[in-house]
Each structure stands twice: as C-alpha cells, then as structure tokens.
Amino acid sequence: MKQRTIKEMVRTTGVGVHSGTKVELTLRPAPPDTGIVFSRVDLKPPVVFPVGPMEIGDTRMATVMIRDGARVSTIEHLLSACAGLGIDNLYIDVTAEEIPIMDGSASSFVYLLQQAGLAEQEAPKKFIRILKPVEVREGEGAREKWARLVPHEGFKLDFFIEFNHPAVDGTAQRALVDFGEQSYIQAVARARTFGFMQDVEMLRGIGLARGGSLENAIVMDEYRILNPDGLRYDDEFVRHKILDAIGDLYVIGHPLICAYEAHKSGHALNNLLLRELLKRPDAYEIVTYDSAEKAPPSYARQMEQEWSYN
C-alpha cells in the first residue's frame, strides 16, 4: 500500500463559520513523506503549519493550529475528508485564518479532492497501529467525558453524545461506524455541524459563529430543528461528532489501526488523546503493508472503494 496525494491543483472559495470571513482555499499535490501542510498565503511572509498534535493551540468549537501568532482554524472537516480518501500528502493554502465551512459537512471537500484526482506515490503508506489501550478523561459523574484508543485490526469509531435537547434526544445518541463494513462517503461525510440559537449571542461575543447559517449548519431553537429540509441521517448529530473525530485523529499524520471509543468527547479531548498516545511509545508502532491483502480489512475495503483512482 503506497502513499497518495492529488493529481492536480484545485481551488474553491467559501466563508469561515466562526470568522464570517471570505476565504480562498487551494489544494496542491505534495511529495511523499510531506504529510499535510497548511499555509497562510495571505500573510507576508506566509506562515506554514505542518499538521501535528502539538501544533493545536485552541480547541474552542473547532480544531485550530497556532504558529508565530498566526492561526488556521476549523481544520477538522477537511482533514476528515483527507482521512476518508486516504490522502497522505497535501499542501493546503488559505487566504484567511479559517478553512471555509462549505455546507457544514465534509462532502464538499470529498468532492474537491475527487475533482483533483488521486495519485499513488512511490513510498509505502505508514499506519499507526495501537498496541495498548490509551485513554483520557475529564469531569466526574454526569459531567464525565472520555475518549480512548484500543487495539483493533481495522478502524472503527463508537461515539456517545448527550446534549439534553429535545431535537437531539429524539435521534440516536450513539453510533458505531466500522470502515470494514461501511463507506466514509456514504456513512459519515454528509453529516453537518450543528448549533443552538440560544448559544449564538454568547459565541459571537467571543468572536465565534459569525458565519453560521442554515446553509452550513443544523440550527435548533429550544425545541426543534429550524432547517426546512430536516436531517440527512436519522442520527446526523452523533455522526457529525464521528466526522469531527476522524479529522481530529488525522492530525497525528497517519491512518490509525484501532478502535476509537468516546463518551461526550470533543476537539479538546481528542487532541489530549493524541498527546497522551505520543507520550506512550510502548502503546503504538508504525507499520507498512506490501499489499492491500495484508492490510486490515477496513483499509483494504477503502482501497477498493473510497481510495480508488479517478
């Protein structure tokens, strides 16, 4: 199994969900072993952000990289799409401090990457295999949250949410996505971010949610969903949390071979989980595979489907 990038450069424009700023996004092919690298090309000189767990400097409502006083915010949906399509190496140029929100899911980024085409490279794809359980927790009782990585020959995510809101409670609050059986594009990519009207004023007061709308989020008042078309999945809320987690975990730079289990986790706890993993060199190993047949079934399946060339 080899590393991959995109065949050609692609561009799009959009608005940042938190900043409300118009931003141009450019994706460019990158050489083997580059990883995923963001650049703020609107700054002089440009500030370059190689993706990594220690580069994350803010996790309020989004995953944010900070370097030399510059920020690149809301990277999780684009990274989730890169993970879903098996992209190892990519240059991402942005003209503002936030990745555009598009429709609030990862599907626009999946489409953009597919438009660019996928290209195999002459270097082995590196995976991080979890050998021992790694867990982080915070809070107690009803406020307890946790996330863990446990050994598993594949990649699956099991997530539980609790928001004590009638619209959310009326849907499934737990979801399990196993990529040995399910498709990222079909089961995860279209799940949108969500927010509550009663939080909007508070968020805007701290400079967040300025670009949020019914076009790029599921929005709820105190009782119901305000979007006229309703939900895309019966359990779209928890599926979006899985979409976020896939992006947050891909900050580590390689696909994970493990099961991820989470109870009310979010960007902050997901990043703490990666940092805890890196402190435990006995808990993981980096592996490569000579062929898809030798790889875990979930990645062999993705090679045939999501990761196929176009």
Protein backbone atom coordinates (compact mmCIF):
# COMPACT_ATOMS: atom_id res chain seq x y z
CA MET A 1 0.00 0.00 0.00
CA LYS A 2 1.51 3.28 -1.13
CA GLN A 3 1.16 6.90 -0.11
CA ARG A 4 -1.08 9.16 -2.12
CA THR A 5 -1.65 12.78 -2.95
CA ILE A 6 -3.84 14.54 -5.53
CA LYS A 7 -3.13 14.70 -9.27
CA GLU A 8 -3.63 18.41 -9.82
CA MET A 9 -4.29 21.67 -8.05
CA VAL A 10 -7.90 22.63 -7.22
CA ARG A 11 -9.43 25.79 -5.76
CA THR A 12 -12.64 26.87 -4.08
CA THR A 13 -13.93 29.82 -2.08
CA GLY A 14 -16.21 29.98 0.92
CA VAL A 15 -16.80 31.63 4.27
CA GLY A 16 -15.44 30.80 7.73
CA VAL A 17 -18.20 29.63 10.07
CA HIS A 18 -16.66 31.40 13.07
CA SER A 19 -14.91 34.40 11.50
CA GLY A 20 -17.51 35.11 8.81
CA THR A 21 -14.55 35.97 6.54
CA LYS A 22 -14.45 35.07 2.84
CA VAL A 23 -11.53 32.70 2.18
CA GLU A 24 -9.95 31.09 -0.89
CA LEU A 25 -8.78 27.52 -0.41
CA THR A 26 -6.21 25.90 -2.73
CA LEU A 27 -5.21 22.23 -2.57
CA ARG A 28 -1.91 21.23 -4.22
CA PRO A 29 -0.09 17.89 -4.68
CA ALA A 30 2.76 17.26 -2.23
CA PRO A 31 5.78 14.88 -2.44
CA PRO A 32 5.96 11.60 -0.45
CA ASP A 33 6.51 11.93 3.31
CA THR A 34 5.44 15.60 3.29
CA GLY A 35 2.30 14.98 5.33
CA ILE A 36 -0.49 17.57 5.27
CA VAL A 37 0.78 21.15 5.41
CA PHE A 38 -1.36 24.29 5.72
CA SER A 39 -0.06 27.72 4.64
CA ARG A 40 -1.48 31.18 5.36
CA VAL A 41 -0.59 32.69 1.99
CA ASP A 42 -2.29 36.00 2.86
CA LEU A 43 0.48 36.78 5.35
CA LYS A 44 3.89 38.19 4.44
CA PRO A 45 5.92 36.10 4.72
CA PRO A 46 3.49 33.16 4.54
CA VAL A 47 3.20 31.13 7.75
CA VAL A 48 3.47 27.36 7.26
CA PHE A 49 1.69 24.90 9.59
CA PRO A 50 2.73 21.23 9.34
CA VAL A 51 -0.10 19.18 10.84
CA GLY A 52 0.69 17.57 14.19
CA PRO A 53 -0.88 17.14 17.66
CA MET A 54 1.48 19.65 19.30
CA GLU A 55 0.57 22.32 16.71
CA ILE A 56 -3.01 22.52 18.01
CA GLY A 57 -3.29 25.66 20.12
CA ASP A 58 -7.05 26.17 20.50
CA THR A 59 -9.96 23.74 20.61
CA ARG A 60 -12.93 26.01 21.42
CA MET A 61 -15.66 24.96 18.96
CA ALA A 62 -13.02 23.92 16.37
CA THR A 63 -9.53 22.46 15.96
CA VAL A 64 -7.09 25.34 15.49
CA MET A 65 -3.38 25.41 14.67
CA ILE A 66 -1.37 28.36 16.00
CA ARG A 67 2.17 29.30 14.98
CA ASP A 68 4.07 32.58 15.28
CA GLY A 69 0.86 34.34 16.33
CA ALA A 70 -0.99 33.18 13.20
CA ARG A 71 -3.95 30.78 13.18
CA VAL A 72 -5.58 28.26 10.86
CA SER A 73 -8.96 27.35 12.29
CA THR A 74 -11.64 24.69 11.68
CA ILE A 75 -9.30 22.20 10.00
CA GLU A 76 -11.18 19.11 11.18
CA HIS A 77 -13.70 18.70 8.33
CA LEU A 78 -11.06 18.95 5.59
CA LEU A 79 -8.74 16.58 7.48
CA SER A 80 -11.66 14.18 7.90
CA ALA A 81 -12.15 14.15 4.12
CA CYS A 82 -8.40 13.57 3.61
CA ALA A 83 -8.54 10.61 6.01
CA GLY A 84 -11.67 9.26 4.32
CA LEU A 85 -10.00 9.35 0.89
CA GLY A 86 -6.60 8.14 2.07
CA ILE A 87 -4.66 11.34 1.29
CA ASP A 88 -1.22 11.26 2.97
CA ASN A 89 0.46 14.28 1.41
CA LEU A 90 -1.16 17.61 0.58
CA TYR A 91 -0.40 21.33 0.52
CA ILE A 92 -3.36 23.45 1.65
CA ASP A 93 -3.15 27.21 1.03
CA VAL A 94 -5.67 29.58 2.64
CA THR A 95 -6.13 33.35 2.38
CA ALA A 96 -7.65 33.86 5.85
CA GLU A 97 -7.48 32.38 9.33
CA GLU A 98 -10.22 29.78 8.82
CA ILE A 99 -10.94 26.90 6.44
CA PRO A 100 -14.28 27.58 4.67
CA ILE A 101 -17.22 25.80 6.26
CA MET A 102 -18.88 24.94 2.90
CA ASP A 103 -22.14 23.12 3.80
CA GLY A 104 -21.02 22.23 7.34
CA SER A 105 -20.01 18.66 6.47
CA ALA A 106 -17.01 17.04 4.74
CA SER A 107 -18.84 16.26 1.49
CA SER A 108 -17.71 19.42 -0.35
CA PHE A 109 -14.08 18.59 0.48
CA VAL A 110 -14.57 14.99 -0.66
CA TYR A 111 -15.92 16.33 -3.97
CA LEU A 112 -12.99 18.77 -4.29
CA LEU A 113 -10.42 16.02 -3.68
CA GLN A 114 -12.17 13.73 -6.15
CA GLN A 115 -12.14 16.52 -8.75
CA ALA A 116 -8.38 16.82 -8.27
CA GLY A 117 -7.97 13.06 -8.70
CA LEU A 118 -5.94 10.72 -6.51
CA ALA A 119 -2.34 9.84 -7.35
CA GLU A 120 -0.33 6.95 -5.91
CA GLN A 121 3.27 7.72 -4.92
CA GLU A 122 6.45 5.66 -4.77
CA ALA A 123 6.63 5.40 -1.00
CA PRO A 124 4.97 3.00 1.46
CA LYS A 125 1.88 4.25 3.29
CA LYS A 126 2.54 4.42 7.03
CA PHE A 127 -0.08 3.41 9.58
CA ILE A 128 -0.08 3.80 13.36
CA ARG A 129 -1.16 0.54 14.98
CA ILE A 130 -2.37 0.80 18.58
CA LEU A 131 -0.83 -1.94 20.75
CA LYS A 132 -2.19 -1.00 24.19
CA PRO A 133 -5.27 0.98 25.31
CA VAL A 134 -4.74 4.72 25.71
CA GLU A 135 -7.41 6.81 27.46
CA VAL A 136 -8.06 10.37 28.63
CA ARG A 137 -10.86 11.50 30.96
CA GLU A 138 -12.18 14.71 32.45
CA GLY A 139 -15.04 15.60 34.79
CA GLU A 140 -17.00 13.41 37.18
CA GLY A 141 -20.48 11.93 37.39
CA ALA A 142 -22.90 13.37 34.84
CA ARG A 143 -20.15 15.70 33.59
CA GLU A 144 -17.67 12.91 32.86
CA LYS A 145 -16.21 12.77 29.36
CA TRP A 146 -13.68 10.33 27.98
CA ALA A 147 -12.04 9.08 24.81
CA ARG A 148 -9.84 6.08 24.20
CA LEU A 149 -7.95 4.15 21.55
CA VAL A 150 -7.87 0.36 21.86
CA PRO A 151 -6.22 -2.35 19.73
CA HIS A 152 -8.36 -3.48 16.80
CA GLU A 153 -7.39 -4.87 13.40
CA GLY A 154 -9.08 -2.14 11.38
CA PHE A 155 -10.58 1.28 12.07
CA LYS A 156 -13.91 1.82 13.77
CA LEU A 157 -15.42 4.61 15.87
CA ASP A 158 -18.03 4.27 18.63
CA PHE A 159 -19.40 7.60 19.91
CA PHE A 160 -21.99 8.62 22.50
CA ILE A 161 -23.37 12.18 22.79
CA GLU A 162 -25.64 13.87 25.34
CA PHE A 163 -27.00 17.39 24.85
CA ASN A 164 -30.27 17.31 26.84
CA HIS A 165 -32.12 18.95 23.95
CA PRO A 166 -35.42 17.58 22.60
CA ALA A 167 -34.32 17.68 18.93
CA VAL A 168 -31.06 15.84 19.65
CA ASP A 169 -32.56 13.44 22.21
CA GLY A 170 -35.17 12.47 19.63
CA THR A 171 -32.42 10.92 17.49
CA ALA A 172 -29.94 8.14 18.24
CA GLN A 173 -27.29 9.40 20.64
CA ARG A 174 -24.84 6.61 19.96
CA ALA A 175 -23.38 5.48 16.64
CA LEU A 176 -20.81 2.90 15.59
CA VAL A 177 -19.08 3.24 12.22
CA ASP A 178 -16.82 0.34 11.18
CA PHE A 179 -14.92 1.00 7.97
CA GLY A 180 -14.57 -2.74 7.46
CA GLU A 181 -18.28 -2.67 6.60
CA GLN A 182 -19.25 0.96 5.91
CA SER A 183 -18.25 3.69 3.50
CA TYR A 184 -16.87 7.03 4.70
CA ILE A 185 -18.55 8.87 1.82
CA GLN A 186 -21.94 7.27 2.44
CA ALA A 187 -21.96 6.84 6.23
CA VAL A 188 -20.09 9.91 7.52
CA ALA A 189 -19.12 12.62 5.01
CA ARG A 190 -22.55 14.33 4.68
CA ALA A 191 -23.18 14.82 8.43
CA ARG A 192 -23.29 18.56 9.20
CA THR A 193 -22.14 20.56 12.17
CA PHE A 194 -24.88 21.82 14.49
CA GLY A 195 -25.60 24.61 16.93
CA PHE A 196 -28.21 26.14 19.19
CA MET A 197 -29.82 29.57 18.70
CA GLN A 198 -29.53 30.31 22.43
CA ASP A 199 -25.72 29.99 22.17
CA VAL A 200 -25.32 32.27 19.15
CA GLU A 201 -25.10 35.60 21.00
CA MET A 202 -22.57 34.20 23.50
CA LEU A 203 -20.44 32.69 20.71
CA ARG A 204 -20.50 35.86 18.64
CA GLY A 205 -19.47 37.80 21.72
CA ILE A 206 -16.20 35.81 21.79
CA GLY A 207 -15.71 36.07 18.02
CA LEU A 208 -17.23 32.71 17.02
CA ALA A 209 -20.18 31.59 14.84
CA ARG A 210 -20.19 34.84 12.82
CA GLY A 211 -20.55 32.97 9.53
CA GLY A 212 -23.00 30.30 10.72
CA SER A 213 -26.36 29.92 8.97
CA LEU A 214 -28.98 27.36 7.92
CA GLU A 215 -26.86 26.90 4.76
CA ASN A 216 -23.88 25.49 6.67
CA ALA A 217 -25.19 24.01 9.93
CA ILE A 218 -28.12 22.28 11.59
CA VAL A 219 -29.62 25.04 13.74
CA MET A 220 -32.02 24.47 16.64
CA ASP A 221 -34.13 26.70 18.84
CA GLU A 222 -35.13 25.48 22.29
CA TYR A 223 -37.33 22.69 20.92
CA ARG A 224 -36.80 21.87 17.27
CA ILE A 225 -34.61 21.85 14.17
CA LEU A 226 -35.06 25.04 12.12
CA ASN A 227 -33.65 23.73 8.82
CA PRO A 228 -36.59 23.26 6.44
CA ASP A 229 -35.13 20.06 4.93
CA GLY A 230 -34.53 18.38 8.29
CA LEU A 231 -31.72 15.85 8.80
CA ARG A 232 -29.61 13.98 6.25
CA TYR A 233 -29.19 10.96 8.55
CA ASP A 234 -31.54 9.83 11.34
CA ASP A 235 -28.55 10.15 13.70
CA GLU A 236 -26.81 13.09 11.99
CA PHE A 237 -25.75 14.75 15.26
CA VAL A 238 -23.65 11.85 16.53
CA ARG A 239 -22.41 11.07 13.01
CA HIS A 240 -21.03 14.59 12.76
CA LYS A 241 -19.16 14.03 16.02
CA ILE A 242 -17.64 10.92 14.39
CA LEU A 243 -16.74 13.02 11.31
CA ASP A 244 -15.01 15.53 13.62
CA ALA A 245 -13.19 12.78 15.49
CA ILE A 246 -11.82 11.30 12.26
CA GLY A 247 -10.40 14.73 11.37
CA ASP A 248 -9.10 15.38 14.88
CA LEU A 249 -7.34 11.99 14.97
CA TYR A 250 -5.82 12.52 11.50
CA VAL A 251 -3.87 15.42 12.99
CA ILE A 252 -1.38 12.70 14.01
CA GLY A 253 -0.41 12.40 10.34
CA HIS A 254 -1.14 8.74 9.58
CA PRO A 255 -4.19 6.44 9.49
CA LEU A 256 -4.81 4.67 12.80
CA ILE A 257 -5.32 0.93 13.16
CA CYS A 258 -7.53 0.77 16.25
CA ALA A 259 -10.97 1.25 17.69
CA TYR A 260 -11.81 4.75 18.93
CA GLU A 261 -14.42 4.90 21.69
CA ALA A 262 -15.77 8.18 23.05
CA HIS A 263 -18.29 9.41 25.60
CA LYS A 264 -19.21 13.09 25.07
CA SER A 265 -15.75 13.83 23.69
CA GLY A 266 -14.84 16.85 21.56
CA HIS A 267 -11.90 18.61 19.91
CA ALA A 268 -10.04 19.28 23.18
CA LEU A 269 -10.25 15.71 24.48
CA ASN A 270 -9.42 14.25 21.06
CA ASN A 271 -6.23 16.32 20.95
CA LEU A 272 -5.33 15.32 24.52
CA LEU A 273 -5.78 11.69 23.47
CA LEU A 274 -3.21 12.07 20.65
CA ARG A 275 -0.78 13.81 23.00
CA GLU A 276 -1.21 11.01 25.54
CA LEU A 277 -0.56 8.44 22.80
CA LEU A 278 2.71 10.15 21.82
CA LYS A 279 3.84 10.00 25.46
CA ARG A 280 3.42 6.22 25.35
CA PRO A 281 5.85 4.80 22.74
CA ASP A 282 5.05 1.30 24.04
CA ALA A 283 1.38 1.78 23.08
CA TYR A 284 1.84 2.01 19.30
CA GLU A 285 4.02 1.10 16.33
CA ILE A 286 4.35 2.42 12.78
CA VAL A 287 3.66 -0.25 10.15
CA THR A 288 3.52 -0.56 6.36
CA TYR A 289 1.98 -3.21 4.10
CA ASP A 290 3.33 -4.76 0.90
CA SER A 291 -0.19 -5.24 -0.44
CA ALA A 292 -3.81 -4.47 0.34
CA GLU A 293 -4.38 -8.17 1.07
CA LYS A 294 -2.05 -7.94 4.09
CA ALA A 295 -3.67 -4.75 5.43
CA PRO A 296 -6.57 -4.67 7.91
CA PRO A 297 -9.90 -5.39 6.15
CA SER A 298 -11.23 -1.87 6.66
CA TYR A 299 -8.29 -0.31 4.80
CA ALA A 300 -8.33 -3.00 2.10
CA ARG A 301 -12.01 -2.19 1.57
CA GLN A 302 -11.33 1.55 1.39
CA MET A 303 -8.57 0.91 -1.17
CA GLU A 304 -11.18 -0.65 -3.44
CA GLN A 305 -13.83 1.99 -2.88
CA GLU A 306 -13.16 5.48 -1.44
CA TRP A 307 -9.45 5.36 -2.29
CA SER A 308 -9.85 4.11 -5.87
CA TYR A 309 -8.32 6.32 -8.55
CA ASN A 310 -10.43 8.59 -10.72
